[in-house]
Amino acid sequence: MQKKEKAQGFKYDFTPSELKTLLLHSKKCPECAGKLSKEKTCEMVKGEDVNSSSDPFFVSNIRVNHYGYIFRCQQCRKVFTLAELADRR
């Protein structure tokens, strides 16, 4: 049995407009005005893939959980990323 690799860090990527949409705006489908359900996504990546050398906490040889959000309409079943919802506002 293979041992599951454990992440040593985490990262969220939000622009100011995406953060505002996530925290403050109602979650209605831009297509049909149905209710959107929020789903958290996660992928494990190398630290060098999500960090930059200009970051004072740059560590290239670790595993990082990179989190994001998608929104699924309960009526029409369309899927939107947080960036797509923020751009439509």
N, C-alpha and C. Protein backbone atom coordinates (compact mmCIF):
# COMPACT_ATOMS: atom_id res chain seq x y z
N MET A 1 0.84 -1.18 0.00
CA MET A 1 0.00 0.00 0.00
C MET A 1 0.88 1.23 0.00
N GLN A 2 0.57 2.19 -0.87
CA GLN A 2 1.36 3.40 -1.01
C GLN A 2 0.92 4.44 0.02
N LYS A 3 1.90 5.05 0.66
CA LYS A 3 1.61 6.07 1.67
C LYS A 3 1.17 7.36 0.99
N LYS A 4 0.08 7.96 1.50
CA LYS A 4 -0.43 9.21 0.94
C LYS A 4 0.52 10.34 1.33
N GLU A 5 0.91 11.12 0.33
CA GLU A 5 1.82 12.23 0.57
C GLU A 5 1.08 13.38 1.24
N LYS A 6 1.70 13.97 2.23
CA LYS A 6 1.07 15.03 3.00
C LYS A 6 1.60 16.39 2.55
N ALA A 7 0.68 17.35 2.44
CA ALA A 7 1.07 18.71 2.05
C ALA A 7 1.76 19.41 3.22
N GLN A 8 2.68 20.29 2.89
CA GLN A 8 3.41 21.04 3.91
C GLN A 8 3.03 22.51 3.89
N GLY A 9 2.09 22.89 3.06
CA GLY A 9 1.65 24.28 2.97
C GLY A 9 0.35 24.36 2.22
N PHE A 10 -0.18 25.57 2.11
CA PHE A 10 -1.41 25.78 1.36
C PHE A 10 -1.37 27.15 0.69
N LYS A 11 -2.21 27.31 -0.33
CA LYS A 11 -2.26 28.57 -1.06
C LYS A 11 -3.66 28.79 -1.61
N TYR A 12 -4.17 30.00 -1.43
CA TYR A 12 -5.41 30.46 -2.04
C TYR A 12 -5.04 31.60 -2.97
N ASP A 13 -5.65 31.67 -4.14
CA ASP A 13 -5.42 32.77 -5.09
C ASP A 13 -6.72 33.53 -5.30
N PHE A 14 -6.75 34.79 -4.86
CA PHE A 14 -7.91 35.63 -5.07
C PHE A 14 -7.46 37.01 -5.51
N THR A 15 -8.12 37.55 -6.52
CA THR A 15 -7.95 38.96 -6.83
C THR A 15 -8.90 39.71 -5.89
N PRO A 16 -8.74 41.01 -5.72
CA PRO A 16 -9.67 41.75 -4.86
C PRO A 16 -11.14 41.60 -5.29
N SER A 17 -11.41 41.61 -6.59
CA SER A 17 -12.80 41.47 -7.04
C SER A 17 -13.33 40.05 -6.78
N GLU A 18 -12.48 39.04 -6.89
CA GLU A 18 -12.91 37.67 -6.59
C GLU A 18 -13.21 37.51 -5.11
N LEU A 19 -12.39 38.09 -4.26
CA LEU A 19 -12.62 38.01 -2.82
C LEU A 19 -13.92 38.73 -2.44
N LYS A 20 -14.16 39.87 -3.05
CA LYS A 20 -15.40 40.61 -2.81
C LYS A 20 -16.62 39.79 -3.23
N THR A 21 -16.53 39.13 -4.39
CA THR A 21 -17.61 38.29 -4.87
C THR A 21 -17.83 37.11 -3.93
N LEU A 22 -16.76 36.50 -3.47
CA LEU A 22 -16.86 35.35 -2.58
C LEU A 22 -17.51 35.71 -1.25
N LEU A 23 -17.14 36.84 -0.69
CA LEU A 23 -17.60 37.21 0.64
C LEU A 23 -18.91 37.98 0.67
N LEU A 24 -19.14 38.85 -0.30
CA LEU A 24 -20.23 39.81 -0.19
C LEU A 24 -21.41 39.61 -1.13
N HIS A 25 -21.19 39.11 -2.31
CA HIS A 25 -22.26 39.06 -3.30
C HIS A 25 -23.12 37.82 -3.13
N SER A 26 -24.40 37.94 -3.49
CA SER A 26 -25.30 36.79 -3.44
C SER A 26 -24.88 35.80 -4.52
N LYS A 27 -25.10 34.57 -4.26
CA LYS A 27 -24.66 33.52 -5.17
C LYS A 27 -25.84 33.06 -6.02
N LYS A 28 -26.15 33.88 -7.03
CA LYS A 28 -27.22 33.58 -7.99
C LYS A 28 -26.59 33.31 -9.35
N CYS A 29 -27.15 32.38 -10.07
CA CYS A 29 -26.65 32.02 -11.40
C CYS A 29 -26.84 33.20 -12.35
N PRO A 30 -25.79 33.60 -13.07
CA PRO A 30 -25.93 34.70 -14.02
C PRO A 30 -26.76 34.33 -15.25
N GLU A 31 -26.98 33.04 -15.47
CA GLU A 31 -27.75 32.59 -16.63
C GLU A 31 -29.25 32.50 -16.33
N CYS A 32 -29.60 31.85 -15.21
CA CYS A 32 -31.03 31.59 -14.94
C CYS A 32 -31.49 32.14 -13.58
N ALA A 33 -30.61 32.76 -12.83
CA ALA A 33 -30.90 33.32 -11.50
C ALA A 33 -31.20 32.24 -10.46
N GLY A 34 -30.82 30.99 -10.73
CA GLY A 34 -30.98 29.92 -9.76
C GLY A 34 -29.92 30.02 -8.67
N LYS A 35 -30.08 29.24 -7.63
CA LYS A 35 -29.15 29.26 -6.51
C LYS A 35 -27.88 28.50 -6.88
N LEU A 36 -26.73 29.10 -6.54
CA LEU A 36 -25.44 28.46 -6.80
C LEU A 36 -24.95 27.78 -5.53
N SER A 37 -24.43 26.58 -5.68
CA SER A 37 -23.80 25.90 -4.55
C SER A 37 -22.29 26.00 -4.72
N LYS A 38 -21.60 26.25 -3.61
CA LYS A 38 -20.15 26.45 -3.63
C LYS A 38 -19.45 25.13 -3.36
N GLU A 39 -18.42 24.84 -4.15
CA GLU A 39 -17.61 23.65 -3.96
C GLU A 39 -16.14 24.06 -3.89
N LYS A 40 -15.46 23.57 -2.88
CA LYS A 40 -14.04 23.87 -2.72
C LYS A 40 -13.23 22.84 -3.49
N THR A 41 -12.27 23.31 -4.27
CA THR A 41 -11.40 22.41 -5.02
C THR A 41 -10.01 22.44 -4.41
N CYS A 42 -9.29 21.37 -4.59
CA CYS A 42 -7.94 21.29 -4.04
C CYS A 42 -7.09 20.40 -4.94
N GLU A 43 -5.88 20.85 -5.21
CA GLU A 43 -4.92 20.02 -5.91
C GLU A 43 -3.57 20.19 -5.24
N MET A 44 -2.81 19.12 -5.17
CA MET A 44 -1.48 19.19 -4.57
C MET A 44 -0.46 19.47 -5.67
N VAL A 45 0.32 20.53 -5.48
CA VAL A 45 1.32 20.93 -6.46
C VAL A 45 2.66 21.15 -5.77
N LYS A 46 3.70 21.28 -6.57
CA LYS A 46 5.03 21.61 -6.02
C LYS A 46 5.05 23.07 -5.61
N GLY A 47 5.79 23.37 -4.59
CA GLY A 47 5.91 24.75 -4.12
C GLY A 47 6.42 25.68 -5.20
N GLU A 48 7.31 25.20 -6.04
CA GLU A 48 7.86 26.06 -7.10
C GLU A 48 6.82 26.41 -8.16
N ASP A 49 5.72 25.65 -8.25
CA ASP A 49 4.67 25.93 -9.23
C ASP A 49 3.75 27.07 -8.79
N VAL A 50 3.62 27.30 -7.48
CA VAL A 50 2.70 28.32 -7.00
C VAL A 50 3.39 29.51 -6.34
N ASN A 51 4.64 29.39 -6.03
CA ASN A 51 5.40 30.48 -5.42
C ASN A 51 6.24 31.20 -6.45
N SER A 52 6.68 32.38 -6.08
CA SER A 52 7.61 33.10 -6.94
C SER A 52 8.85 33.42 -6.12
N SER A 53 9.95 33.62 -6.80
CA SER A 53 11.20 33.90 -6.08
C SER A 53 11.17 35.27 -5.41
N SER A 54 10.22 36.14 -5.76
CA SER A 54 10.10 37.44 -5.11
C SER A 54 9.37 37.34 -3.77
N ASP A 55 8.74 36.20 -3.52
CA ASP A 55 8.03 35.98 -2.26
C ASP A 55 9.05 35.68 -1.16
N PRO A 56 9.00 36.39 -0.02
CA PRO A 56 9.98 36.14 1.04
C PRO A 56 9.85 34.75 1.66
N PHE A 57 8.70 34.09 1.48
CA PHE A 57 8.50 32.76 2.04
C PHE A 57 8.60 31.68 0.98
N PHE A 58 9.34 31.94 -0.09
CA PHE A 58 9.48 31.02 -1.21
C PHE A 58 10.20 29.75 -0.78
N VAL A 59 9.54 28.62 -0.96
CA VAL A 59 10.14 27.31 -0.70
C VAL A 59 9.78 26.43 -1.89
N SER A 60 10.77 25.98 -2.61
CA SER A 60 10.50 25.28 -3.86
C SER A 60 10.34 23.78 -3.71
N ASN A 61 10.85 23.20 -2.66
CA ASN A 61 10.87 21.74 -2.58
C ASN A 61 9.83 21.17 -1.62
N ILE A 62 8.68 21.82 -1.48
CA ILE A 62 7.62 21.29 -0.63
C ILE A 62 6.37 21.02 -1.46
N ARG A 63 5.43 20.31 -0.88
CA ARG A 63 4.14 20.05 -1.50
C ARG A 63 3.13 21.03 -0.93
N VAL A 64 2.33 21.63 -1.80
CA VAL A 64 1.39 22.68 -1.40
C VAL A 64 -0.02 22.31 -1.88
N ASN A 65 -1.01 22.42 -1.00
CA ASN A 65 -2.41 22.28 -1.40
C ASN A 65 -2.85 23.62 -1.98
N HIS A 66 -3.23 23.63 -3.25
CA HIS A 66 -3.67 24.84 -3.93
C HIS A 66 -5.20 24.79 -4.00
N TYR A 67 -5.87 25.69 -3.25
CA TYR A 67 -7.32 25.68 -3.12
C TYR A 67 -7.98 26.69 -4.05
N GLY A 68 -9.19 26.40 -4.43
CA GLY A 68 -10.00 27.30 -5.23
C GLY A 68 -11.48 26.98 -5.03
N TYR A 69 -12.35 27.71 -5.71
CA TYR A 69 -13.79 27.50 -5.58
C TYR A 69 -14.44 27.44 -6.96
N ILE A 70 -15.41 26.56 -7.09
CA ILE A 70 -16.29 26.56 -8.26
C ILE A 70 -17.72 26.64 -7.73
N PHE A 71 -18.61 27.12 -8.59
CA PHE A 71 -20.02 27.27 -8.22
C PHE A 71 -20.87 26.56 -9.25
N ARG A 72 -21.80 25.74 -8.76
CA ARG A 72 -22.67 24.95 -9.62
C ARG A 72 -24.12 25.41 -9.42
N CYS A 73 -24.80 25.70 -10.52
CA CYS A 73 -26.20 26.11 -10.46
C CYS A 73 -27.06 24.89 -10.19
N GLN A 74 -27.95 25.00 -9.22
CA GLN A 74 -28.82 23.88 -8.88
C GLN A 74 -29.97 23.72 -9.87
N GLN A 75 -30.26 24.78 -10.65
CA GLN A 75 -31.35 24.72 -11.63
C GLN A 75 -30.87 24.26 -13.01
N CYS A 76 -29.94 25.02 -13.60
CA CYS A 76 -29.52 24.72 -14.97
C CYS A 76 -28.25 23.86 -15.04
N ARG A 77 -27.63 23.60 -13.90
CA ARG A 77 -26.45 22.72 -13.78
C ARG A 77 -25.18 23.28 -14.43
N LYS A 78 -25.15 24.57 -14.74
CA LYS A 78 -23.93 25.16 -15.30
C LYS A 78 -22.92 25.37 -14.17
N VAL A 79 -21.65 25.34 -14.54
CA VAL A 79 -20.56 25.48 -13.57
C VAL A 79 -19.79 26.76 -13.88
N PHE A 80 -19.49 27.52 -12.83
CA PHE A 80 -18.76 28.78 -12.97
C PHE A 80 -17.59 28.78 -12.01
N THR A 81 -16.48 29.35 -12.45
CA THR A 81 -15.37 29.58 -11.54
C THR A 81 -15.61 30.90 -10.81
N LEU A 82 -14.87 31.10 -9.75
CA LEU A 82 -14.98 32.36 -9.01
C LEU A 82 -14.58 33.53 -9.90
N ALA A 83 -13.58 33.34 -10.73
CA ALA A 83 -13.13 34.40 -11.64
C ALA A 83 -14.24 34.78 -12.63
N GLU A 84 -14.96 33.79 -13.14
CA GLU A 84 -16.06 34.07 -14.08
C GLU A 84 -17.17 34.87 -13.41
N LEU A 85 -17.51 34.51 -12.19
CA LEU A 85 -18.56 35.26 -11.48
C LEU A 85 -18.11 36.69 -11.19
N ALA A 86 -16.86 36.88 -10.80
CA ALA A 86 -16.34 38.21 -10.51
C ALA A 86 -16.31 39.07 -11.77
N ASP A 87 -15.99 38.48 -12.92
CA ASP A 87 -15.95 39.24 -14.17
C ASP A 87 -17.33 39.66 -14.64
N ARG A 88 -18.36 38.94 -14.27
CA ARG A 88 -19.73 39.26 -14.69
C ARG A 88 -20.36 40.35 -13.84
N ARG A 89 -19.76 40.73 -12.75
CA ARG A 89 -20.32 41.75 -11.86
C ARG A 89 -19.91 43.13 -12.32
